[in-house]
PDB file of N, CA and C in Angstrom:
ATOM      1  N   MET A   1       0.760  24.771 -13.484  1.00  0.00           N
ATOM      2  CA  MET A   1       0.718  23.557 -14.303  1.00  0.00           C
ATOM      3  C   MET A   1       0.948  23.913 -15.813  1.00  0.00           C
ATOM      4  N   HIS A   2       0.286  25.108 -16.231  1.00  0.00           N
ATOM      5  CA  HIS A   2       0.363  25.506 -17.647  1.00  0.00           C
ATOM      6  C   HIS A   2       1.739  26.023 -18.010  1.00  0.00           C
ATOM      7  N   ALA A   3       2.447  26.490 -16.930  1.00  0.00           N
ATOM      8  CA  ALA A   3       3.941  26.986 -17.209  1.00  0.00           C
ATOM      9  C   ALA A   3       4.837  25.906 -17.460  1.00  0.00           C
ATOM     10  N   LEU A   4       4.501  24.716 -16.903  1.00  0.00           N
ATOM     11  CA  LEU A   4       5.551  23.522 -17.040  1.00  0.00           C
ATOM     12  C   LEU A   4       5.436  23.008 -18.535  1.00  0.00           C
ATOM     13  N   PRO A   5       6.610  22.710 -18.939  1.00  0.00           N
ATOM     14  CA  PRO A   5       6.782  22.056 -20.388  1.00  0.00           C
ATOM     15  C   PRO A   5       6.036  20.718 -20.336  1.00  0.00           C
ATOM     16  N   ARG A   6       5.666  20.266 -21.660  1.00  0.00           N
ATOM     17  CA  ARG A   6       4.981  19.023 -21.698  1.00  0.00           C
ATOM     18  C   ARG A   6       5.906  17.986 -21.278  1.00  0.00           C
ATOM     19  N   VAL A   7       7.232  18.083 -21.451  1.00  0.00           N
ATOM     20  CA  VAL A   7       8.204  16.917 -21.095  1.00  0.00           C
ATOM     21  C   VAL A   7       8.061  16.767 -19.694  1.00  0.00           C
ATOM     22  N   ILE A   8       8.069  17.796 -18.774  1.00  0.00           N
ATOM     23  CA  ILE A   8       7.944  17.678 -17.382  1.00  0.00           C
ATOM     24  C   ILE A   8       6.735  17.054 -17.046  1.00  0.00           C
ATOM     25  N   ARG A   9       5.618  17.488 -17.695  1.00  0.00           N
ATOM     26  CA  ARG A   9       4.206  17.010 -17.438  1.00  0.00           C
ATOM     27  C   ARG A   9       4.272  15.334 -17.683  1.00  0.00           C
ATOM     28  N   LYS A  10       4.830  15.027 -18.751  1.00  0.00           N
ATOM     29  CA  LYS A  10       4.917  13.539 -19.105  1.00  0.00           C
ATOM     30  C   LYS A  10       5.756  12.835 -18.163  1.00  0.00           C
ATOM     31  N   THR A  11       6.986  13.306 -17.795  1.00  0.00           N
ATOM     32  CA  THR A  11       7.799  12.731 -16.787  1.00  0.00           C
ATOM     33  C   THR A  11       7.144  12.592 -15.389  1.00  0.00           C
ATOM     34  N   GLY A  12       6.488  13.696 -15.107  1.00  0.00           N
ATOM     35  CA  GLY A  12       5.789  13.813 -13.827  1.00  0.00           C
ATOM     36  C   GLY A  12       4.768  12.730 -13.764  1.00  0.00           C
ATOM     37  N   PHE A  13       3.983  12.547 -14.860  1.00  0.00           N
ATOM     38  CA  PHE A  13       2.912  11.562 -14.978  1.00  0.00           C
ATOM     39  C   PHE A  13       3.476  10.116 -14.785  1.00  0.00           C
ATOM     40  N   LEU A  14       4.590   9.953 -15.515  1.00  0.00           N
ATOM     41  CA  LEU A  14       5.351   8.591 -15.426  1.00  0.00           C
ATOM     42  C   LEU A  14       5.748   8.377 -14.077  1.00  0.00           C
ATOM     43  N   TRP A  15       6.426   9.337 -13.347  1.00  0.00           N
ATOM     44  CA  TRP A  15       6.817   9.325 -11.971  1.00  0.00           C
ATOM     45  C   TRP A  15       5.675   9.001 -11.074  1.00  0.00           C
ATOM     46  N   ALA A  16       4.541   9.608 -11.314  1.00  0.00           N
ATOM     47  CA  ALA A  16       3.284   9.296 -10.529  1.00  0.00           C
ATOM     48  C   ALA A  16       2.858   7.919 -10.552  1.00  0.00           C
ATOM     49  N   LEU A  17       2.917   7.323 -11.879  1.00  0.00           N
ATOM     50  CA  LEU A  17       2.499   6.010 -12.052  1.00  0.00           C
ATOM     51  C   LEU A  17       3.472   5.039 -11.324  1.00  0.00           C
ATOM     52  N   VAL A  18       4.624   5.400 -11.495  1.00  0.00           N
ATOM     53  CA  VAL A  18       5.845   4.469 -10.665  1.00  0.00           C
ATOM     54  C   VAL A  18       5.688   4.661  -9.235  1.00  0.00           C
ATOM     55  N   ALA A  19       5.336   5.845  -8.692  1.00  0.00           N
ATOM     56  CA  ALA A  19       5.156   5.978  -7.147  1.00  0.00           C
ATOM     57  C   ALA A  19       3.959   5.215  -6.818  1.00  0.00           C
ATOM     58  N   VAL A  20       2.742   5.191  -7.606  1.00  0.00           N
ATOM     59  CA  VAL A  20       1.591   4.495  -7.261  1.00  0.00           C
ATOM     60  C   VAL A  20       1.953   3.045  -7.222  1.00  0.00           C
ATOM     61  N   GLY A  21       2.575   2.544  -8.243  1.00  0.00           N
ATOM     62  CA  GLY A  21       2.968   1.064  -8.285  1.00  0.00           C
ATOM     63  C   GLY A  21       3.868   0.655  -7.164  1.00  0.00           C
ATOM     64  N   ALA A  22       4.718   1.532  -6.795  1.00  0.00           N
ATOM     65  CA  ALA A  22       5.686   1.111  -5.777  1.00  0.00           C
ATOM     66  C   ALA A  22       4.932   1.209  -4.421  1.00  0.00           C
ATOM     67  N   PHE A  23       4.042   2.190  -4.292  1.00  0.00           N
ATOM     68  CA  PHE A  23       3.206   2.296  -2.996  1.00  0.00           C
ATOM     69  C   PHE A  23       2.362   0.979  -3.030  1.00  0.00           C
ATOM     70  N   GLN A  24       1.760   0.582  -3.987  1.00  0.00           N
ATOM     71  CA  GLN A  24       0.859  -0.586  -3.953  1.00  0.00           C
ATOM     72  C   GLN A  24       1.650  -1.784  -3.583  1.00  0.00           C
ATOM     73  N   GLY A  25       2.943  -1.833  -4.198  1.00  0.00           N
ATOM     74  CA  GLY A  25       3.855  -3.063  -3.888  1.00  0.00           C
ATOM     75  C   GLY A  25       4.177  -3.017  -2.380  1.00  0.00           C
ATOM     76  N   LEU A  26       4.516  -1.878  -1.815  1.00  0.00           N
ATOM     77  CA  LEU A  26       4.875  -1.824  -0.455  1.00  0.00           C
ATOM     78  C   LEU A  26       3.623  -2.103   0.348  1.00  0.00           C
ATOM     79  N   LEU A  27       2.456  -1.722  -0.056  1.00  0.00           N
ATOM     80  CA  LEU A  27       1.104  -2.068   0.789  1.00  0.00           C
ATOM     81  C   LEU A  27       0.931  -3.598   0.707  1.00  0.00           C
ATOM     82  N   ILE A  28       1.131  -4.278  -0.318  1.00  0.00           N
ATOM     83  CA  ILE A  28       0.989  -5.602  -0.532  1.00  0.00           C
ATOM     84  C   ILE A  28       1.993  -6.374   0.401  1.00  0.00           C
ATOM     85  N   THR A  29       3.217  -5.912   0.376  1.00  0.00           N
ATOM     86  CA  THR A  29       4.332  -6.578   1.170  1.00  0.00           C
ATOM     87  C   THR A  29       4.019  -6.388   2.589  1.00  0.00           C
ATOM     88  N   TRP A  30       3.520  -5.207   2.929  1.00  0.00           N
ATOM     89  CA  TRP A  30       3.165  -5.028   4.442  1.00  0.00           C
ATOM     90  C   TRP A  30       1.931  -5.744   4.804  1.00  0.00           C
ATOM     91  N   MET A  31       0.912  -5.694   4.038  1.00  0.00           N
ATOM     92  CA  MET A  31      -0.401  -6.179   4.403  1.00  0.00           C
ATOM     93  C   MET A  31      -0.372  -7.713   4.453  1.00  0.00           C
ATOM     94  N   LEU A  32       0.422  -8.354   3.675  1.00  0.00           N
ATOM     95  CA  LEU A  32       0.380  -9.832   3.645  1.00  0.00           C
ATOM     96  C   LEU A  32       0.872 -10.460   4.923  1.00  0.00           C
ATOM     97  N   PRO A  33       2.019  -9.928   5.488  1.00  0.00           N
ATOM     98  CA  PRO A  33       2.433 -10.465   6.808  1.00  0.00           C
ATOM     99  C   PRO A  33       1.433 -10.153   7.973  1.00  0.00           C
ATOM    100  N   THR A  34       0.983  -8.944   7.914  1.00  0.00           N
ATOM    101  CA  THR A  34      -0.024  -8.535   8.923  1.00  0.00           C
ATOM    102  C   THR A  34      -1.344  -9.421   8.906  1.00  0.00           C
ATOM    103  N   GLN A  35      -1.765  -9.618   7.715  1.00  0.00           N
ATOM    104  CA  GLN A  35      -2.970 -10.550   7.477  1.00  0.00           C
ATOM    105  C   GLN A  35      -2.660 -11.879   8.107  1.00  0.00           C
ATOM    106  N   SER A  36      -1.386 -12.501   7.660  1.00  0.00           N
ATOM    107  CA  SER A  36      -1.048 -13.749   8.159  1.00  0.00           C
ATOM    108  C   SER A  36      -1.053 -13.906   9.585  1.00  0.00           C
ATOM    109  N   LEU A  37      -0.442 -12.767  10.328  1.00  0.00           N
ATOM    110  CA  LEU A  37      -0.382 -12.680  11.709  1.00  0.00           C
ATOM    111  C   LEU A  37      -1.792 -12.681  12.281  1.00  0.00           C
ATOM    112  N   ASN A  38      -2.687 -11.865  11.610  1.00  0.00           N
ATOM    113  CA  ASN A  38      -4.036 -11.778  12.183  1.00  0.00           C
ATOM    114  C   ASN A  38      -4.853 -13.018  12.023  1.00  0.00           C
ATOM    115  N   PHE A  39      -4.474 -13.803  10.969  1.00  0.00           N
ATOM    116  CA  PHE A  39      -5.088 -15.024  10.754  1.00  0.00           C
ATOM    117  C   PHE A  39      -4.591 -16.005  11.744  1.00  0.00           C
ATOM    118  N   ASN A  40      -3.173 -15.901  12.203  1.00  0.00           N
ATOM    119  CA  ASN A  40      -2.713 -16.866  13.160  1.00  0.00           C
ATOM    120  C   ASN A  40      -3.240 -16.557  14.638  1.00  0.00           C
ATOM    121  N   ASN A  41      -3.377 -15.252  14.870  1.00  0.00           N
ATOM    122  CA  ASN A  41      -3.793 -14.673  16.121  1.00  0.00           C
ATOM    123  C   ASN A  41      -5.074 -13.863  15.965  1.00  0.00           C
ATOM    124  N   PRO A  42      -6.145 -14.386  15.573  1.00  0.00           N
ATOM    125  CA  PRO A  42      -7.330 -13.555  15.341  1.00  0.00           C
ATOM    126  C   PRO A  42      -7.878 -12.886  16.570  1.00  0.00           C
ATOM    127  N   PRO A  43      -8.357 -11.652  16.627  1.00  0.00           N
ATOM    128  CA  PRO A  43      -8.876 -10.965  17.819  1.00  0.00           C
ATOM    129  C   PRO A  43     -10.086 -11.731  18.372  1.00  0.00           C
ATOM    130  N   GLN A  44     -10.857 -12.443  17.399  1.00  0.00           N
ATOM    131  CA  GLN A  44     -11.973 -13.157  17.960  1.00  0.00           C
ATOM    132  C   GLN A  44     -11.732 -14.228  18.885  1.00  0.00           C
ATOM    133  N   SER A  45     -10.546 -14.968  18.637  1.00  0.00           N
ATOM    134  CA  SER A  45     -10.088 -16.098  19.498  1.00  0.00           C
ATOM    135  C   SER A  45      -9.720 -15.467  20.895  1.00  0.00           C
ATOM    136  N   VAL A  46      -9.022 -14.342  20.788  1.00  0.00           N
ATOM    137  CA  VAL A  46      -8.522 -13.765  21.928  1.00  0.00           C
ATOM    138  C   VAL A  46      -9.732 -13.331  22.821  1.00  0.00           C
ATOM    139  N   ARG A  47     -10.835 -12.671  22.199  1.00  0.00           N
ATOM    140  CA  ARG A  47     -11.967 -12.320  22.993  1.00  0.00           C
ATOM    141  C   ARG A  47     -12.692 -13.624  23.554  1.00  0.00           C
ATOM    142  N   ALA A  48     -12.710 -14.593  22.717  1.00  0.00           N
ATOM    143  CA  ALA A  48     -13.402 -15.817  23.248  1.00  0.00           C
ATOM    144  C   ALA A  48     -12.503 -16.372  24.332  1.00  0.00           C
ATOM    145  N   GLY A  49     -11.230 -16.388  24.344  1.00  0.00           N
ATOM    146  CA  GLY A  49     -10.368 -16.798  25.396  1.00  0.00           C
ATOM    147  C   GLY A  49     -10.529 -16.019  26.615  1.00  0.00           C
ATOM    148  N   ASN A  50     -10.789 -14.756  26.517  1.00  0.00           N
ATOM    149  CA  ASN A  50     -10.949 -13.862  27.722  1.00  0.00           C
ATOM    150  C   ASN A  50     -12.212 -14.150  28.332  1.00  0.00           C
ATOM    151  N   ARG A  51     -13.317 -14.558  27.538  1.00  0.00           N
ATOM    152  CA  ARG A  51     -14.571 -15.120  28.182  1.00  0.00           C
ATOM    153  C   ARG A  51     -14.283 -16.156  29.077  1.00  0.00           C
TER     154      ARG A  51
END
């Protein structure tokens, strides 16, 4: 890390922030549909139906 220039460190830090933001965006886009599906078909109702 000490051998890398400051510019690469700054760009790497910016790219890390962009990667984290994109990862959170993907998580939100993936988690919202799954949560809506879970709300529509909750496992508790399935267990209650099996009873």
